[in-house]
Amino acid sequence: MAAAIVCEIADAAQRSSIEESLLMAALFQGTSMPDRDWWSALWPDPKGLLQQIGVQPGMSVLDLCCGDGYFTAPLAELVDGRLAALDLDPDMISLAKTEVERRGASVRQWICADAASLTECLDEPVDFVLMANTFHGVPDQTGLAHSVRAVLRPNGLFCIVNWHSMPREETVVLGNPRGPRTEMRMSPESVRAVVEAADFRMREIVDLPPYHYAAIFQPA
């Protein structure tokens, strides 16, 4: 049976939220989806990275703001399809779905929606929520963390993969500076402050060379 694709644009309030998110994406140009070539240059072994940050077979996982599926496909393989993937952009959902199918994997639930509405869209709680390279551009970071907290199982983990807080001109990939603007980058301490305000506690920081780290939280 084909995985469900959920598009939650049910009322004017949510349409307004989506319009706001699209505006934020336009303002935060550094958060746009990179070319897959430089994803691969940064992380040639995405499945190994996922294992490094704590994803294990048997978990149920949410890929939050999944983009074009660079992590979605290996996640689906690792957890044997016990995966939900959410993105605001239907074109990104389509690309991610194509990549998952190309690799012969499956996703339990595809969700085309604003991340802020995930409590309304996700069909069951999960063990692990991954948010890679987008948290810095979220307008209400603590609010989003509250939403993640609501869909996590009691011993679940929330993992935020971020660029290190260093000048953009120093984060060079394939010969060019990459990533969000310098002033948008967040230190682990600043991430901790906004996420722990949503009833989480920091579990660990995992360094992900050359330019990233994973901040991993669990319910307090």
N, C-alpha and C. Protein backbone atom coordinates (compact mmCIF):
# COMPACT_ATOMS: atom_id res chain seq x y z
N MET A 1 0.85 -1.19 0.00
CA MET A 1 0.00 0.00 0.00
C MET A 1 0.89 1.24 0.00
N ALA A 2 0.55 2.20 -0.83
CA ALA A 2 1.34 3.42 -0.90
C ALA A 2 1.23 4.19 0.41
N ALA A 3 2.34 4.82 0.81
CA ALA A 3 2.32 5.63 2.03
C ALA A 3 1.39 6.82 1.85
N ALA A 4 0.75 7.21 2.95
CA ALA A 4 -0.17 8.34 2.89
C ALA A 4 0.60 9.63 2.71
N ILE A 5 0.05 10.55 1.91
CA ILE A 5 0.58 11.90 1.79
C ILE A 5 -0.45 12.83 2.39
N VAL A 6 -0.08 13.51 3.47
CA VAL A 6 -1.01 14.37 4.20
C VAL A 6 -0.69 15.81 3.89
N CYS A 7 -1.64 16.57 3.39
CA CYS A 7 -1.47 18.01 3.18
C CYS A 7 -2.45 18.73 4.08
N GLU A 8 -1.94 19.30 5.15
CA GLU A 8 -2.79 19.94 6.14
C GLU A 8 -2.85 21.44 5.86
N ILE A 9 -3.77 21.86 5.01
CA ILE A 9 -4.00 23.28 4.76
C ILE A 9 -5.50 23.49 4.94
N ALA A 10 -5.96 23.27 6.16
CA ALA A 10 -7.38 23.10 6.39
C ALA A 10 -8.14 24.39 6.58
N ASP A 11 -7.49 25.44 7.04
CA ASP A 11 -8.25 26.64 7.35
C ASP A 11 -7.40 27.88 7.12
N ALA A 12 -8.03 29.03 7.27
CA ALA A 12 -7.34 30.28 6.98
C ALA A 12 -6.15 30.50 7.90
N ALA A 13 -6.27 30.08 9.16
CA ALA A 13 -5.17 30.28 10.10
C ALA A 13 -3.94 29.52 9.65
N GLN A 14 -4.12 28.29 9.20
CA GLN A 14 -2.95 27.52 8.77
C GLN A 14 -2.40 28.07 7.47
N ARG A 15 -3.28 28.51 6.56
CA ARG A 15 -2.78 29.12 5.33
C ARG A 15 -1.93 30.34 5.66
N SER A 16 -2.37 31.12 6.66
CA SER A 16 -1.60 32.28 7.08
C SER A 16 -0.24 31.86 7.61
N SER A 17 -0.21 30.76 8.39
CA SER A 17 1.05 30.26 8.93
C SER A 17 1.99 29.84 7.82
N ILE A 18 1.44 29.18 6.80
CA ILE A 18 2.26 28.74 5.67
C ILE A 18 2.80 29.94 4.91
N GLU A 19 1.95 30.95 4.71
CA GLU A 19 2.42 32.15 4.02
C GLU A 19 3.56 32.81 4.80
N GLU A 20 3.44 32.82 6.14
CA GLU A 20 4.51 33.39 6.96
C GLU A 20 5.79 32.59 6.80
N SER A 21 5.67 31.26 6.76
CA SER A 21 6.86 30.43 6.61
C SER A 21 7.52 30.65 5.26
N LEU A 22 6.71 30.82 4.22
CA LEU A 22 7.28 31.10 2.90
C LEU A 22 8.01 32.44 2.90
N LEU A 23 7.44 33.42 3.61
CA LEU A 23 8.10 34.71 3.72
C LEU A 23 9.43 34.56 4.44
N MET A 24 9.45 33.78 5.52
CA MET A 24 10.70 33.58 6.25
C MET A 24 11.74 32.90 5.38
N ALA A 25 11.31 31.95 4.56
CA ALA A 25 12.26 31.28 3.66
C ALA A 25 12.86 32.28 2.68
N ALA A 26 12.05 33.22 2.23
CA ALA A 26 12.56 34.24 1.31
C ALA A 26 13.55 35.16 2.01
N LEU A 27 13.27 35.49 3.27
CA LEU A 27 14.16 36.37 4.02
C LEU A 27 15.46 35.68 4.37
N PHE A 28 15.37 34.41 4.77
CA PHE A 28 16.54 33.66 5.22
C PHE A 28 17.10 32.86 4.06
N GLN A 29 17.77 33.55 3.16
CA GLN A 29 18.24 32.89 1.95
C GLN A 29 19.24 31.78 2.25
N GLY A 30 19.95 31.90 3.37
CA GLY A 30 20.93 30.88 3.72
C GLY A 30 20.33 29.56 4.13
N THR A 31 19.00 29.50 4.30
CA THR A 31 18.37 28.26 4.71
C THR A 31 17.88 27.45 3.53
N SER A 32 18.08 27.93 2.32
CA SER A 32 17.54 27.22 1.16
C SER A 32 18.25 25.89 0.95
N MET A 33 17.57 24.99 0.23
CA MET A 33 18.11 23.66 0.02
C MET A 33 19.35 23.69 -0.86
N PRO A 34 20.48 23.16 -0.37
CA PRO A 34 21.70 23.17 -1.17
C PRO A 34 21.66 22.12 -2.28
N ASP A 35 22.60 22.26 -3.22
CA ASP A 35 22.75 21.23 -4.24
C ASP A 35 23.20 19.93 -3.58
N ARG A 36 22.72 18.82 -4.13
CA ARG A 36 23.10 17.52 -3.56
C ARG A 36 24.59 17.28 -3.67
N ASP A 37 25.27 17.89 -4.65
CA ASP A 37 26.71 17.70 -4.79
C ASP A 37 27.44 18.16 -3.54
N TRP A 38 27.02 19.30 -2.99
CA TRP A 38 27.76 19.74 -1.81
C TRP A 38 27.24 19.12 -0.53
N TRP A 39 26.00 18.64 -0.51
CA TRP A 39 25.61 17.75 0.59
C TRP A 39 26.57 16.56 0.65
N SER A 40 26.79 15.95 -0.52
CA SER A 40 27.65 14.77 -0.58
C SER A 40 29.09 15.09 -0.20
N ALA A 41 29.54 16.29 -0.57
CA ALA A 41 30.90 16.69 -0.20
C ALA A 41 31.03 16.86 1.31
N LEU A 42 29.99 17.40 1.94
CA LEU A 42 30.00 17.56 3.40
C LEU A 42 29.88 16.22 4.11
N TRP A 43 28.92 15.41 3.68
CA TRP A 43 28.60 14.16 4.37
C TRP A 43 28.48 13.03 3.36
N PRO A 44 29.60 12.44 2.98
CA PRO A 44 29.55 11.37 1.98
C PRO A 44 28.89 10.09 2.48
N ASP A 45 28.74 9.96 3.80
CA ASP A 45 28.13 8.76 4.38
C ASP A 45 26.96 9.18 5.29
N PRO A 46 25.82 9.57 4.70
CA PRO A 46 24.71 10.04 5.54
C PRO A 46 24.19 8.98 6.50
N LYS A 47 24.19 7.72 6.09
CA LYS A 47 23.71 6.68 6.99
C LYS A 47 24.63 6.55 8.20
N GLY A 48 25.93 6.64 7.98
CA GLY A 48 26.87 6.60 9.09
C GLY A 48 26.68 7.76 10.04
N LEU A 49 26.40 8.95 9.49
CA LEU A 49 26.14 10.11 10.34
C LEU A 49 24.89 9.89 11.19
N LEU A 50 23.85 9.34 10.59
CA LEU A 50 22.62 9.08 11.33
C LEU A 50 22.86 8.11 12.48
N GLN A 51 23.67 7.10 12.24
CA GLN A 51 24.00 6.17 13.32
C GLN A 51 24.83 6.87 14.40
N GLN A 52 25.69 7.79 13.99
CA GLN A 52 26.52 8.52 14.94
C GLN A 52 25.68 9.37 15.89
N ILE A 53 24.56 9.91 15.41
CA ILE A 53 23.74 10.76 16.26
C ILE A 53 22.66 9.98 17.02
N GLY A 54 22.64 8.66 16.84
CA GLY A 54 21.78 7.85 17.69
C GLY A 54 20.59 7.18 17.06
N VAL A 55 20.43 7.26 15.74
CA VAL A 55 19.33 6.55 15.09
C VAL A 55 19.65 5.06 15.06
N GLN A 56 18.69 4.24 15.50
CA GLN A 56 18.91 2.80 15.58
C GLN A 56 17.77 2.05 14.90
N PRO A 57 18.06 0.87 14.35
CA PRO A 57 16.98 0.04 13.80
C PRO A 57 15.91 -0.21 14.85
N GLY A 58 14.67 -0.21 14.40
CA GLY A 58 13.55 -0.43 15.31
C GLY A 58 12.92 0.84 15.84
N MET A 59 13.63 1.97 15.72
CA MET A 59 13.05 3.24 16.14
C MET A 59 11.97 3.69 15.16
N SER A 60 11.04 4.50 15.66
CA SER A 60 10.17 5.27 14.77
C SER A 60 10.69 6.70 14.76
N VAL A 61 10.77 7.29 13.56
CA VAL A 61 11.49 8.55 13.38
C VAL A 61 10.64 9.54 12.61
N LEU A 62 10.83 10.83 12.92
CA LEU A 62 10.27 11.92 12.13
C LEU A 62 11.43 12.72 11.56
N ASP A 63 11.47 12.85 10.23
CA ASP A 63 12.42 13.72 9.55
C ASP A 63 11.71 15.06 9.36
N LEU A 64 12.01 16.01 10.23
CA LEU A 64 11.30 17.28 10.28
C LEU A 64 11.99 18.29 9.38
N CYS A 65 11.23 18.82 8.40
CA CYS A 65 11.80 19.67 7.34
C CYS A 65 12.79 18.85 6.52
N CYS A 66 12.26 17.83 5.87
CA CYS A 66 13.09 16.80 5.24
C CYS A 66 13.79 17.26 3.98
N GLY A 67 13.32 18.36 3.36
CA GLY A 67 13.96 18.82 2.14
C GLY A 67 13.87 17.79 1.03
N ASP A 68 14.96 17.66 0.28
CA ASP A 68 14.93 16.79 -0.91
C ASP A 68 15.22 15.33 -0.61
N GLY A 69 15.33 14.98 0.67
CA GLY A 69 15.44 13.57 1.03
C GLY A 69 16.84 13.05 1.22
N TYR A 70 17.84 13.94 1.36
CA TYR A 70 19.21 13.46 1.50
C TYR A 70 19.36 12.57 2.73
N PHE A 71 18.70 12.95 3.83
CA PHE A 71 18.70 12.09 5.01
C PHE A 71 17.48 11.18 5.06
N THR A 72 16.40 11.56 4.40
CA THR A 72 15.17 10.77 4.47
C THR A 72 15.38 9.35 3.96
N ALA A 73 16.04 9.21 2.82
CA ALA A 73 16.22 7.88 2.23
C ALA A 73 17.06 6.96 3.13
N PRO A 74 18.23 7.39 3.60
CA PRO A 74 18.97 6.50 4.51
C PRO A 74 18.25 6.27 5.84
N LEU A 75 17.50 7.26 6.32
CA LEU A 75 16.69 7.03 7.51
C LEU A 75 15.68 5.91 7.27
N ALA A 76 15.01 5.97 6.13
CA ALA A 76 14.01 4.95 5.81
C ALA A 76 14.64 3.56 5.78
N GLU A 77 15.85 3.48 5.25
CA GLU A 77 16.55 2.19 5.22
C GLU A 77 16.91 1.73 6.63
N LEU A 78 17.40 2.65 7.46
CA LEU A 78 17.85 2.29 8.81
C LEU A 78 16.71 1.77 9.67
N VAL A 79 15.54 2.38 9.55
CA VAL A 79 14.43 2.03 10.46
C VAL A 79 13.35 1.22 9.75
N ASP A 80 13.68 0.72 8.56
CA ASP A 80 12.79 -0.17 7.82
C ASP A 80 11.40 0.44 7.61
N GLY A 81 11.39 1.72 7.21
CA GLY A 81 10.14 2.37 6.85
C GLY A 81 9.35 2.95 8.00
N ARG A 82 9.84 2.82 9.23
CA ARG A 82 9.11 3.39 10.39
C ARG A 82 9.45 4.88 10.49
N LEU A 83 9.08 5.60 9.45
CA LEU A 83 9.52 6.98 9.28
C LEU A 83 8.38 7.84 8.76
N ALA A 84 8.26 9.03 9.35
CA ALA A 84 7.41 10.08 8.80
C ALA A 84 8.33 11.21 8.35
N ALA A 85 7.99 11.84 7.24
CA ALA A 85 8.81 12.93 6.70
C ALA A 85 7.91 14.12 6.42
N LEU A 86 8.29 15.27 6.96
CA LEU A 86 7.48 16.48 6.83
C LEU A 86 8.29 17.59 6.18
N ASP A 87 7.65 18.28 5.24
CA ASP A 87 8.22 19.50 4.67
C ASP A 87 7.08 20.40 4.22
N LEU A 88 7.33 21.69 4.26
CA LEU A 88 6.34 22.67 3.83
C LEU A 88 6.17 22.70 2.32
N ASP A 89 7.24 22.39 1.60
CA ASP A 89 7.29 22.56 0.15
C ASP A 89 6.91 21.25 -0.55
N PRO A 90 5.81 21.22 -1.30
CA PRO A 90 5.43 19.97 -1.98
C PRO A 90 6.45 19.51 -3.00
N ASP A 91 7.21 20.44 -3.58
CA ASP A 91 8.25 20.03 -4.52
C ASP A 91 9.36 19.25 -3.80
N MET A 92 9.70 19.68 -2.58
CA MET A 92 10.70 18.95 -1.80
C MET A 92 10.18 17.57 -1.42
N ILE A 93 8.92 17.50 -1.03
CA ILE A 93 8.32 16.19 -0.72
C ILE A 93 8.42 15.27 -1.93
N SER A 94 8.14 15.80 -3.11
CA SER A 94 8.20 15.00 -4.32
C SER A 94 9.62 14.49 -4.58
N LEU A 95 10.62 15.37 -4.42
CA LEU A 95 12.01 14.96 -4.61
C LEU A 95 12.42 13.90 -3.59
N ALA A 96 12.02 14.11 -2.34
CA ALA A 96 12.37 13.14 -1.30
C ALA A 96 11.72 11.79 -1.57
N LYS A 97 10.47 11.83 -1.98
CA LYS A 97 9.77 10.58 -2.27
C LYS A 97 10.44 9.83 -3.42
N THR A 98 10.87 10.56 -4.44
CA THR A 98 11.56 9.94 -5.57
C THR A 98 12.86 9.28 -5.12
N GLU A 99 13.61 9.96 -4.25
CA GLU A 99 14.88 9.41 -3.77
C GLU A 99 14.65 8.16 -2.92
N VAL A 100 13.64 8.19 -2.07
CA VAL A 100 13.32 7.01 -1.25
C VAL A 100 12.95 5.83 -2.14
N GLU A 101 12.11 6.08 -3.13
CA GLU A 101 11.69 5.00 -4.03
C GLU A 101 12.86 4.49 -4.87
N ARG A 102 13.75 5.40 -5.27
CA ARG A 102 14.92 4.99 -6.06
C ARG A 102 15.78 4.00 -5.30
N ARG A 103 15.83 4.16 -3.98
CA ARG A 103 16.65 3.28 -3.16
C ARG A 103 15.89 2.06 -2.66
N GLY A 104 14.66 1.91 -3.10
CA GLY A 104 13.89 0.74 -2.72
C GLY A 104 13.44 0.74 -1.27
N ALA A 105 13.37 1.93 -0.67
CA ALA A 105 12.94 2.05 0.72
C ALA A 105 11.49 2.53 0.76
N SER A 106 10.98 2.75 1.97
CA SER A 106 9.61 3.22 2.11
C SER A 106 9.50 4.16 3.30
N VAL A 107 8.50 5.02 3.25
CA VAL A 107 8.19 5.96 4.33
C VAL A 107 6.74 5.73 4.73
N ARG A 108 6.49 5.65 6.02
CA ARG A 108 5.14 5.35 6.52
C ARG A 108 4.17 6.49 6.26
N GLN A 109 4.64 7.74 6.44
CA GLN A 109 3.74 8.89 6.30
C GLN A 109 4.51 10.08 5.73
N TRP A 110 4.02 10.61 4.61
CA TRP A 110 4.54 11.85 4.04
C TRP A 110 3.60 12.98 4.46
N ILE A 111 4.16 14.07 4.95
CA ILE A 111 3.34 15.18 5.45
C ILE A 111 3.80 16.47 4.79
N CYS A 112 2.91 17.09 4.04
CA CYS A 112 3.19 18.39 3.43
C CYS A 112 2.48 19.44 4.27
N ALA A 113 3.24 20.11 5.14
CA ALA A 113 2.62 21.02 6.10
C ALA A 113 3.68 21.89 6.74
N ASP A 114 3.21 22.95 7.40
CA ASP A 114 4.06 23.77 8.25
C ASP A 114 4.51 22.93 9.44
N ALA A 115 5.79 23.02 9.79
CA ALA A 115 6.30 22.25 10.93
C ALA A 115 5.56 22.58 12.21
N ALA A 116 5.05 23.80 12.33
CA ALA A 116 4.34 24.19 13.55
C ALA A 116 3.06 23.39 13.76
N SER A 117 2.56 22.74 12.70
CA SER A 117 1.31 21.99 12.81
C SER A 117 1.54 20.49 12.96
N LEU A 118 2.75 20.09 13.29
CA LEU A 118 3.04 18.65 13.25
C LEU A 118 2.22 17.86 14.25
N THR A 119 1.81 18.46 15.37
CA THR A 119 0.99 17.72 16.33
C THR A 119 -0.37 17.34 15.73
N GLU A 120 -0.83 18.10 14.75
CA GLU A 120 -2.11 17.81 14.11
C GLU A 120 -1.95 16.81 12.97
N CYS A 121 -0.74 16.68 12.45
CA CYS A 121 -0.53 15.88 11.24
C CYS A 121 0.03 14.49 11.50
N LEU A 122 0.90 14.38 12.49
CA LEU A 122 1.59 13.11 12.72
C LEU A 122 0.62 12.10 13.29
N ASP A 123 0.63 10.88 12.73
CA ASP A 123 -0.40 9.92 13.11
C ASP A 123 -0.06 9.09 14.34
N GLU A 124 1.18 9.17 14.85
CA GLU A 124 1.53 8.48 16.08
C GLU A 124 2.81 9.07 16.65
N PRO A 125 3.05 8.92 17.96
CA PRO A 125 4.29 9.42 18.56
C PRO A 125 5.51 8.70 17.99
N VAL A 126 6.67 9.34 18.13
CA VAL A 126 7.90 8.79 17.57
C VAL A 126 9.00 8.74 18.63
N ASP A 127 10.04 7.96 18.31
CA ASP A 127 11.19 7.81 19.21
C ASP A 127 12.28 8.85 18.96
N PHE A 128 12.31 9.40 17.75
CA PHE A 128 13.44 10.25 17.37
C PHE A 128 12.93 11.28 16.36
N VAL A 129 13.26 12.55 16.61
CA VAL A 129 12.96 13.62 15.65
C VAL A 129 14.28 14.23 15.20
N LEU A 130 14.50 14.24 13.90
CA LEU A 130 15.69 14.85 13.31
C LEU A 130 15.29 16.14 12.61
N MET A 131 16.03 17.21 12.91
CA MET A 131 15.85 18.48 12.20
C MET A 131 17.23 18.96 11.78
N ALA A 132 17.53 18.88 10.50
CA ALA A 132 18.88 19.15 10.01
C ALA A 132 18.92 20.44 9.20
N ASN A 133 19.77 21.36 9.65
CA ASN A 133 20.11 22.57 8.88
C ASN A 133 18.97 23.56 8.68
N THR A 134 17.96 23.52 9.53
CA THR A 134 16.85 24.47 9.37
C THR A 134 16.45 25.17 10.67
N PHE A 135 16.87 24.66 11.81
CA PHE A 135 16.40 25.21 13.08
C PHE A 135 16.76 26.69 13.23
N HIS A 136 17.90 27.09 12.69
CA HIS A 136 18.35 28.49 12.83
C HIS A 136 17.37 29.47 12.18
N GLY A 137 16.58 29.02 11.21
CA GLY A 137 15.66 29.90 10.51
C GLY A 137 14.23 29.87 11.01
N VAL A 138 13.97 29.13 12.09
CA VAL A 138 12.61 29.01 12.61
C VAL A 138 12.25 30.27 13.40
N PRO A 139 11.13 30.92 13.08
CA PRO A 139 10.77 32.16 13.79
C PRO A 139 10.53 31.95 15.29
N ASP A 140 9.80 30.89 15.66
CA ASP A 140 9.50 30.62 17.07
C ASP A 140 10.13 29.28 17.43
N GLN A 141 11.40 29.32 17.81
CA GLN A 141 12.14 28.09 18.04
C GLN A 141 11.63 27.33 19.27
N THR A 142 11.35 28.04 20.35
CA THR A 142 10.83 27.36 21.53
C THR A 142 9.44 26.79 21.26
N GLY A 143 8.63 27.52 20.50
CA GLY A 143 7.31 27.01 20.14
C GLY A 143 7.41 25.72 19.34
N LEU A 144 8.34 25.67 18.40
CA LEU A 144 8.53 24.44 17.63
C LEU A 144 9.01 23.31 18.53
N ALA A 145 9.92 23.62 19.45
CA ALA A 145 10.39 22.59 20.38
C ALA A 145 9.24 22.03 21.22
N HIS A 146 8.30 22.89 21.62
CA HIS A 146 7.11 22.41 22.33
C HIS A 146 6.33 21.42 21.47
N SER A 147 6.19 21.73 20.17
CA SER A 147 5.47 20.82 19.27
C SER A 147 6.19 19.49 19.15
N VAL A 148 7.52 19.53 19.05
CA VAL A 148 8.29 18.29 18.99
C VAL A 148 8.11 17.50 20.28
N ARG A 149 8.17 18.19 21.40
CA ARG A 149 8.00 17.52 22.70
C ARG A 149 6.67 16.77 22.76
N ALA A 150 5.64 17.34 22.14
CA ALA A 150 4.31 16.74 22.19
C ALA A 150 4.20 15.45 21.37
N VAL A 151 5.08 15.26 20.38
CA VAL A 151 4.98 14.07 19.54
C VAL A 151 6.04 13.02 19.87
N LEU A 152 6.91 13.32 20.83
CA LEU A 152 7.95 12.36 21.23
C LEU A 152 7.42 11.39 22.28
N ARG A 153 7.86 10.15 22.18
CA ARG A 153 7.61 9.21 23.25
C ARG A 153 8.43 9.61 24.49
N PRO A 154 8.07 9.10 25.67
CA PRO A 154 8.72 9.56 26.91
C PRO A 154 10.24 9.49 26.91
N ASN A 155 10.82 8.48 26.27
CA ASN A 155 12.27 8.35 26.22
C ASN A 155 12.84 8.76 24.87
N GLY A 156 12.07 9.54 24.11
CA GLY A 156 12.49 9.91 22.77
C GLY A 156 13.60 10.95 22.75
N LEU A 157 14.15 11.18 21.56
CA LEU A 157 15.25 12.11 21.37
C LEU A 157 14.90 13.12 20.27
N PHE A 158 15.32 14.36 20.50
CA PHE A 158 15.18 15.44 19.52
C PHE A 158 16.58 15.87 19.14
N CYS A 159 16.94 15.68 17.87
CA CYS A 159 18.29 15.98 17.39
C CYS A 159 18.25 17.13 16.39
N ILE A 160 18.99 18.19 16.71
CA ILE A 160 19.10 19.36 15.84
C ILE A 160 20.52 19.39 15.27
N VAL A 161 20.63 19.28 13.96
CA VAL A 161 21.93 19.40 13.29
C VAL A 161 22.07 20.84 12.80
N ASN A 162 23.12 21.51 13.26
CA ASN A 162 23.32 22.93 12.97
C ASN A 162 24.73 23.18 12.44
N TRP A 163 24.85 24.27 11.69
CA TRP A 163 26.16 24.79 11.36
C TRP A 163 26.80 25.37 12.62
N HIS A 164 28.10 25.17 12.79
CA HIS A 164 28.80 25.83 13.88
C HIS A 164 28.71 27.34 13.73
N SER A 165 28.76 28.02 14.85
CA SER A 165 28.70 29.49 14.85
C SER A 165 30.08 30.05 14.50
N MET A 166 30.34 30.09 13.20
CA MET A 166 31.61 30.59 12.69
C MET A 166 31.33 31.40 11.43
N PRO A 167 32.23 32.29 11.05
CA PRO A 167 31.96 33.13 9.88
C PRO A 167 31.67 32.31 8.63
N ARG A 168 30.67 32.76 7.87
CA ARG A 168 30.28 32.02 6.67
C ARG A 168 31.43 31.87 5.69
N GLU A 169 32.29 32.88 5.62
CA GLU A 169 33.39 32.80 4.65
C GLU A 169 34.39 31.69 5.00
N GLU A 170 34.29 31.16 6.22
CA GLU A 170 35.18 30.07 6.62
C GLU A 170 34.58 28.69 6.37
N THR A 171 33.30 28.63 6.06
CA THR A 171 32.67 27.32 5.83
C THR A 171 32.56 27.11 4.32
N VAL A 172 33.66 26.69 3.75
CA VAL A 172 33.80 26.55 2.30
C VAL A 172 33.54 25.11 1.89
N VAL A 173 32.66 24.94 0.91
CA VAL A 173 32.36 23.62 0.36
C VAL A 173 32.47 23.71 -1.15
N LEU A 174 33.26 22.85 -1.74
CA LEU A 174 33.48 22.85 -3.19
C LEU A 174 33.87 24.23 -3.70
N GLY A 175 34.72 24.91 -2.91
CA GLY A 175 35.31 26.17 -3.37
C GLY A 175 34.53 27.43 -3.08
N ASN A 176 33.35 27.31 -2.44
CA ASN A 176 32.53 28.49 -2.17
C ASN A 176 32.02 28.48 -0.73
N PRO A 177 31.86 29.68 -0.13
CA PRO A 177 31.24 29.74 1.20
C PRO A 177 29.81 29.21 1.14
N ARG A 178 29.45 28.43 2.15
CA ARG A 178 28.12 27.80 2.16
C ARG A 178 27.47 27.98 3.53
N GLY A 179 26.17 27.73 3.54
CA GLY A 179 25.43 27.77 4.79
C GLY A 179 24.77 29.11 5.04
N PRO A 180 24.08 29.23 6.18
CA PRO A 180 23.35 30.47 6.49
C PRO A 180 24.30 31.62 6.78
N ARG A 181 23.75 32.82 6.75
CA ARG A 181 24.54 34.00 7.07
C ARG A 181 25.13 33.87 8.47
N THR A 182 26.27 34.49 8.67
CA THR A 182 26.99 34.37 9.94
C THR A 182 26.09 34.72 11.11
N GLU A 183 25.32 35.80 11.00
CA GLU A 183 24.52 36.26 12.13
C GLU A 183 23.35 35.33 12.46
N MET A 184 23.02 34.41 11.57
CA MET A 184 21.93 33.46 11.83
C MET A 184 22.40 32.20 12.53
N ARG A 185 23.68 31.96 12.56
CA ARG A 185 24.20 30.71 13.10
C ARG A 185 24.09 30.69 14.63
N MET A 186 23.88 29.51 15.16
CA MET A 186 23.61 29.36 16.59
C MET A 186 24.67 28.48 17.24
N SER A 187 25.16 28.91 18.37
CA SER A 187 26.07 28.08 19.16
C SER A 187 25.25 26.99 19.85
N PRO A 188 25.91 25.91 20.28
CA PRO A 188 25.18 24.90 21.07
C PRO A 188 24.51 25.48 22.31
N GLU A 189 25.14 26.47 22.92
CA GLU A 189 24.57 27.07 24.13
C GLU A 189 23.27 27.82 23.82
N SER A 190 23.23 28.51 22.68
CA SER A 190 22.01 29.24 22.34
C SER A 190 20.89 28.28 21.95
N VAL A 191 21.23 27.18 21.29
CA VAL A 191 20.23 26.16 20.98
C VAL A 191 19.69 25.56 22.28
N ARG A 192 20.60 25.26 23.18
CA ARG A 192 20.19 24.68 24.46
C ARG A 192 19.19 25.58 25.19
N ALA A 193 19.45 26.88 25.19
CA ALA A 193 18.58 27.80 25.92
C ALA A 193 17.16 27.78 25.39
N VAL A 194 16.99 27.80 24.06
CA VAL A 194 15.64 27.88 23.52
C VAL A 194 14.92 26.53 23.58
N VAL A 195 15.66 25.42 23.48
CA VAL A 195 15.02 24.10 23.49
C VAL A 195 14.69 23.67 24.92
N GLU A 196 15.59 23.93 25.85
CA GLU A 196 15.30 23.53 27.23
C GLU A 196 14.13 24.31 27.82
N ALA A 197 13.80 25.45 27.23
CA ALA A 197 12.61 26.19 27.66
C ALA A 197 11.32 25.46 27.31
N ALA A 198 11.42 24.41 26.49
CA ALA A 198 10.25 23.62 26.08
C ALA A 198 10.22 22.26 26.78
N ASP A 199 10.77 22.19 27.99
CA ASP A 199 10.72 20.98 28.81
C ASP A 199 11.59 19.86 28.25
N PHE A 200 12.75 20.23 27.71
CA PHE A 200 13.77 19.28 27.32
C PHE A 200 14.99 19.48 28.21
N ARG A 201 15.90 18.51 28.17
CA ARG A 201 17.23 18.71 28.73
C ARG A 201 18.26 18.19 27.75
N MET A 202 19.39 18.88 27.72
CA MET A 202 20.46 18.49 26.82
C MET A 202 21.02 17.13 27.21
N ARG A 203 21.15 16.26 26.23
CA ARG A 203 21.77 14.95 26.47
C ARG A 203 23.24 14.97 26.07
N GLU A 204 23.52 15.46 24.86
CA GLU A 204 24.91 15.52 24.42
C GLU A 204 25.03 16.39 23.17
N ILE A 205 26.27 16.80 22.92
CA ILE A 205 26.64 17.47 21.67
C ILE A 205 27.58 16.53 20.92
N VAL A 206 27.27 16.28 19.66
CA VAL A 206 28.11 15.43 18.81
C VAL A 206 28.71 16.31 17.72
N ASP A 207 30.02 16.34 17.64
CA ASP A 207 30.67 17.12 16.59
C ASP A 207 30.58 16.38 15.27
N LEU A 208 30.22 17.11 14.21
CA LEU A 208 30.06 16.53 12.88
C LEU A 208 30.93 17.31 11.90
N PRO A 209 32.21 16.99 11.83
CA PRO A 209 33.12 17.74 10.97
C PRO A 209 32.67 17.72 9.51
N PRO A 210 33.00 18.76 8.74
CA PRO A 210 33.90 19.84 9.15
C PRO A 210 33.23 21.04 9.82
N TYR A 211 31.91 21.24 9.62
CA TYR A 211 31.32 22.51 10.02
C TYR A 211 30.06 22.40 10.87
N HIS A 212 29.67 21.21 11.29
CA HIS A 212 28.39 21.03 11.96
C HIS A 212 28.53 20.37 13.32
N TYR A 213 27.44 20.44 14.07
CA TYR A 213 27.31 19.69 15.32
C TYR A 213 25.86 19.23 15.43
N ALA A 214 25.65 18.21 16.24
CA ALA A 214 24.30 17.75 16.56
C ALA A 214 24.05 18.01 18.03
N ALA A 215 22.99 18.75 18.33
CA ALA A 215 22.54 18.96 19.71
C ALA A 215 21.39 17.99 19.96
N ILE A 216 21.59 17.09 20.90
CA ILE A 216 20.62 16.02 21.14
C ILE A 216 19.96 16.23 22.50
N PHE A 217 18.64 16.26 22.48
CA PHE A 217 17.85 16.54 23.68
C PHE A 217 16.92 15.37 23.98
N GLN A 218 16.55 15.26 25.26
CA GLN A 218 15.52 14.31 25.65
C GLN A 218 14.55 15.01 26.59
N PRO A 219 13.33 14.49 26.72
CA PRO A 219 12.37 15.14 27.61
C PRO A 219 12.91 15.26 29.03
N ALA A 220 12.64 16.40 29.65
CA ALA A 220 13.13 16.64 31.01
C ALA A 220 12.34 15.81 32.02
